[in-house]
Amino acid sequence: MYDLQQLNPGELIAVVSIVGGLVCGTVTIAAHYYRQIRRDEILAKLKTDMLDRGMTAAEIQTVLEAGTVASDQ
């Protein structure tokens, strides 16, 4: 802590900028992977529910494809 007090204002701004950038990058990466994991969990639960209802693989595929945007358009 005392080392930060010895820095001049320009050096302190540089240190805060670097640390802030690293924190922002880390949070962004963590949020991306958290979102991806949650999406996969939801899709797995949806597939399990549809199988429990007796839907065929073709019906499940139709339902899942209906929720995605076609890349052709």
N, C-alpha and C. Protein backbone atom coordinates (compact mmCIF):
# COMPACT_ATOMS: atom_id res chain seq x y z
N MET A 1 0.82 -1.19 0.00
CA MET A 1 0.00 0.00 0.00
C MET A 1 0.86 1.25 0.00
N TYR A 2 1.96 1.19 0.75
CA TYR A 2 2.83 2.36 0.83
C TYR A 2 3.54 2.62 -0.50
N ASP A 3 3.71 1.58 -1.31
CA ASP A 3 4.34 1.76 -2.61
C ASP A 3 3.49 2.64 -3.51
N LEU A 4 2.17 2.52 -3.41
CA LEU A 4 1.29 3.35 -4.23
C LEU A 4 1.36 4.82 -3.83
N GLN A 5 1.63 5.07 -2.57
CA GLN A 5 1.73 6.46 -2.11
C GLN A 5 2.99 7.13 -2.65
N GLN A 6 3.98 6.35 -3.01
CA GLN A 6 5.23 6.91 -3.51
C GLN A 6 5.17 7.22 -5.01
N LEU A 7 4.14 6.75 -5.70
CA LEU A 7 4.02 6.99 -7.13
C LEU A 7 3.55 8.41 -7.39
N ASN A 8 4.04 8.98 -8.48
CA ASN A 8 3.52 10.30 -8.86
C ASN A 8 2.16 10.10 -9.54
N PRO A 9 1.37 11.15 -9.70
CA PRO A 9 0.01 10.99 -10.24
C PRO A 9 -0.04 10.32 -11.61
N GLY A 10 0.92 10.59 -12.47
CA GLY A 10 0.91 9.97 -13.79
C GLY A 10 1.11 8.47 -13.71
N GLU A 11 2.01 8.03 -12.85
CA GLU A 11 2.24 6.60 -12.68
C GLU A 11 1.04 5.92 -12.04
N LEU A 12 0.41 6.60 -11.11
CA LEU A 12 -0.77 6.05 -10.44
C LEU A 12 -1.92 5.86 -11.43
N ILE A 13 -2.09 6.82 -12.32
CA ILE A 13 -3.13 6.70 -13.35
C ILE A 13 -2.84 5.51 -14.26
N ALA A 14 -1.57 5.31 -14.60
CA ALA A 14 -1.20 4.19 -15.45
C ALA A 14 -1.48 2.86 -14.76
N VAL A 15 -1.13 2.76 -13.49
CA VAL A 15 -1.37 1.52 -12.74
C VAL A 15 -2.87 1.24 -12.63
N VAL A 16 -3.65 2.25 -12.30
CA VAL A 16 -5.10 2.07 -12.18
C VAL A 16 -5.71 1.69 -13.53
N SER A 17 -5.22 2.27 -14.60
CA SER A 17 -5.74 1.94 -15.94
C SER A 17 -5.44 0.50 -16.31
N ILE A 18 -4.23 0.06 -16.04
CA ILE A 18 -3.85 -1.32 -16.37
C ILE A 18 -4.66 -2.31 -15.54
N VAL A 19 -4.74 -2.07 -14.25
CA VAL A 19 -5.50 -2.98 -13.37
C VAL A 19 -6.98 -2.97 -13.75
N GLY A 20 -7.53 -1.80 -14.03
CA GLY A 20 -8.93 -1.71 -14.44
C GLY A 20 -9.20 -2.45 -15.74
N GLY A 21 -8.28 -2.33 -16.69
CA GLY A 21 -8.44 -3.05 -17.95
C GLY A 21 -8.40 -4.55 -17.77
N LEU A 22 -7.50 -5.02 -16.91
CA LEU A 22 -7.42 -6.45 -16.65
C LEU A 22 -8.67 -6.96 -15.95
N VAL A 23 -9.19 -6.19 -15.01
CA VAL A 23 -10.42 -6.59 -14.31
C VAL A 23 -11.59 -6.63 -15.29
N CYS A 24 -11.71 -5.64 -16.14
CA CYS A 24 -12.80 -5.62 -17.13
C CYS A 24 -12.70 -6.81 -18.08
N GLY A 25 -11.51 -7.11 -18.54
CA GLY A 25 -11.32 -8.26 -19.43
C GLY A 25 -11.68 -9.57 -18.75
N THR A 26 -11.26 -9.72 -17.51
CA THR A 26 -11.55 -10.94 -16.76
C THR A 26 -13.05 -11.10 -16.54
N VAL A 27 -13.72 -10.03 -16.18
CA VAL A 27 -15.17 -10.09 -15.96
C VAL A 27 -15.90 -10.41 -17.26
N THR A 28 -15.45 -9.84 -18.37
CA THR A 28 -16.08 -10.10 -19.66
C THR A 28 -15.94 -11.57 -20.05
N ILE A 29 -14.76 -12.12 -19.88
CA ILE A 29 -14.53 -13.53 -20.22
C ILE A 29 -15.36 -14.44 -19.31
N ALA A 30 -15.38 -14.15 -18.02
CA ALA A 30 -16.15 -14.97 -17.08
C ALA A 30 -17.65 -14.91 -17.40
N ALA A 31 -18.15 -13.72 -17.73
CA ALA A 31 -19.57 -13.58 -18.06
C ALA A 31 -19.92 -14.34 -19.33
N HIS A 32 -19.02 -14.32 -20.31
CA HIS A 32 -19.26 -15.04 -21.56
C HIS A 32 -19.40 -16.54 -21.29
N TYR A 33 -18.47 -17.11 -20.53
CA TYR A 33 -18.52 -18.54 -20.27
C TYR A 33 -19.69 -18.91 -19.35
N TYR A 34 -20.03 -18.04 -18.41
CA TYR A 34 -21.19 -18.30 -17.55
C TYR A 34 -22.46 -18.35 -18.39
N ARG A 35 -22.59 -17.41 -19.33
CA ARG A 35 -23.77 -17.37 -20.20
C ARG A 35 -23.84 -18.62 -21.06
N GLN A 36 -22.70 -19.06 -21.59
CA GLN A 36 -22.66 -20.24 -22.43
C GLN A 36 -23.04 -21.50 -21.63
N ILE A 37 -22.55 -21.61 -20.42
CA ILE A 37 -22.87 -22.76 -19.58
C ILE A 37 -24.36 -22.78 -19.24
N ARG A 38 -24.90 -21.62 -18.87
CA ARG A 38 -26.33 -21.55 -18.54
C ARG A 38 -27.19 -21.90 -19.75
N ARG A 39 -26.81 -21.43 -20.95
CA ARG A 39 -27.57 -21.74 -22.16
C ARG A 39 -27.56 -23.24 -22.42
N ASP A 40 -26.40 -23.88 -22.25
CA ASP A 40 -26.31 -25.32 -22.47
C ASP A 40 -27.13 -26.09 -21.44
N GLU A 41 -27.15 -25.61 -20.18
CA GLU A 41 -27.97 -26.26 -19.16
C GLU A 41 -29.45 -26.16 -19.50
N ILE A 42 -29.88 -25.01 -19.97
CA ILE A 42 -31.29 -24.81 -20.32
C ILE A 42 -31.67 -25.69 -21.50
N LEU A 43 -30.80 -25.78 -22.51
CA LEU A 43 -31.09 -26.64 -23.66
C LEU A 43 -31.15 -28.11 -23.25
N ALA A 44 -30.26 -28.53 -22.37
CA ALA A 44 -30.28 -29.92 -21.91
C ALA A 44 -31.57 -30.22 -21.15
N LYS A 45 -32.00 -29.29 -20.31
CA LYS A 45 -33.25 -29.47 -19.56
C LYS A 45 -34.45 -29.51 -20.51
N LEU A 46 -34.44 -28.65 -21.53
CA LEU A 46 -35.52 -28.64 -22.51
C LEU A 46 -35.59 -29.97 -23.25
N LYS A 47 -34.44 -30.48 -23.66
CA LYS A 47 -34.41 -31.76 -24.38
C LYS A 47 -34.91 -32.90 -23.48
N THR A 48 -34.51 -32.88 -22.22
CA THR A 48 -34.96 -33.91 -21.28
C THR A 48 -36.47 -33.84 -21.10
N ASP A 49 -37.00 -32.64 -20.96
CA ASP A 49 -38.45 -32.48 -20.81
C ASP A 49 -39.19 -32.98 -22.04
N MET A 50 -38.67 -32.67 -23.21
CA MET A 50 -39.34 -33.12 -24.44
C MET A 50 -39.28 -34.64 -24.58
N LEU A 51 -38.17 -35.25 -24.17
CA LEU A 51 -38.08 -36.71 -24.20
C LEU A 51 -39.06 -37.32 -23.21
N ASP A 52 -39.20 -36.71 -22.04
CA ASP A 52 -40.14 -37.21 -21.03
C ASP A 52 -41.58 -37.12 -21.53
N ARG A 53 -41.86 -36.17 -22.40
CA ARG A 53 -43.21 -36.02 -22.96
C ARG A 53 -43.45 -37.00 -24.11
N GLY A 54 -42.41 -37.73 -24.52
CA GLY A 54 -42.57 -38.73 -25.56
C GLY A 54 -42.35 -38.21 -26.97
N MET A 55 -41.69 -37.08 -27.10
CA MET A 55 -41.44 -36.52 -28.44
C MET A 55 -40.32 -37.31 -29.11
N THR A 56 -40.41 -37.42 -30.43
CA THR A 56 -39.37 -38.11 -31.19
C THR A 56 -38.20 -37.17 -31.42
N ALA A 57 -37.09 -37.74 -31.89
CA ALA A 57 -35.90 -36.94 -32.16
C ALA A 57 -36.17 -35.90 -33.24
N ALA A 58 -36.96 -36.27 -34.24
CA ALA A 58 -37.28 -35.33 -35.32
C ALA A 58 -38.12 -34.16 -34.79
N GLU A 59 -39.04 -34.45 -33.90
CA GLU A 59 -39.86 -33.38 -33.32
C GLU A 59 -39.01 -32.45 -32.45
N ILE A 60 -38.10 -33.02 -31.70
CA ILE A 60 -37.21 -32.21 -30.86
C ILE A 60 -36.35 -31.32 -31.73
N GLN A 61 -35.82 -31.87 -32.80
CA GLN A 61 -34.99 -31.09 -33.71
C GLN A 61 -35.79 -29.95 -34.32
N THR A 62 -37.03 -30.20 -34.69
CA THR A 62 -37.89 -29.17 -35.26
C THR A 62 -38.12 -28.04 -34.26
N VAL A 63 -38.38 -28.40 -33.01
CA VAL A 63 -38.61 -27.39 -31.97
C VAL A 63 -37.36 -26.56 -31.74
N LEU A 64 -36.20 -27.21 -31.65
CA LEU A 64 -34.96 -26.49 -31.39
C LEU A 64 -34.57 -25.58 -32.55
N GLU A 65 -34.80 -26.04 -33.78
CA GLU A 65 -34.47 -25.22 -34.95
C GLU A 65 -35.42 -24.04 -35.09
N ALA A 66 -36.63 -24.17 -34.59
CA ALA A 66 -37.59 -23.07 -34.67
C ALA A 66 -37.16 -21.90 -33.80
N GLY A 67 -36.36 -22.16 -32.77
CA GLY A 67 -35.93 -21.10 -31.88
C GLY A 67 -34.66 -20.40 -32.32
N THR A 68 -34.08 -20.82 -33.44
CA THR A 68 -32.84 -20.20 -33.91
C THR A 68 -33.10 -19.38 -35.16
N VAL A 69 -32.26 -18.40 -35.40
CA VAL A 69 -32.37 -17.56 -36.58
C VAL A 69 -31.63 -18.25 -37.72
N ALA A 70 -32.27 -18.35 -38.86
CA ALA A 70 -31.64 -18.97 -40.02
C ALA A 70 -30.53 -18.08 -40.55
N SER A 71 -29.40 -18.69 -40.89
CA SER A 71 -28.26 -17.90 -41.39
C SER A 71 -28.43 -17.54 -42.87
N ASP A 72 -29.42 -18.12 -43.54
CA ASP A 72 -29.64 -17.84 -44.96
C ASP A 72 -30.23 -16.45 -45.18
N GLN A 73 -30.98 -15.96 -44.23
CA GLN A 73 -31.72 -14.72 -44.43
C GLN A 73 -30.89 -13.52 -44.20
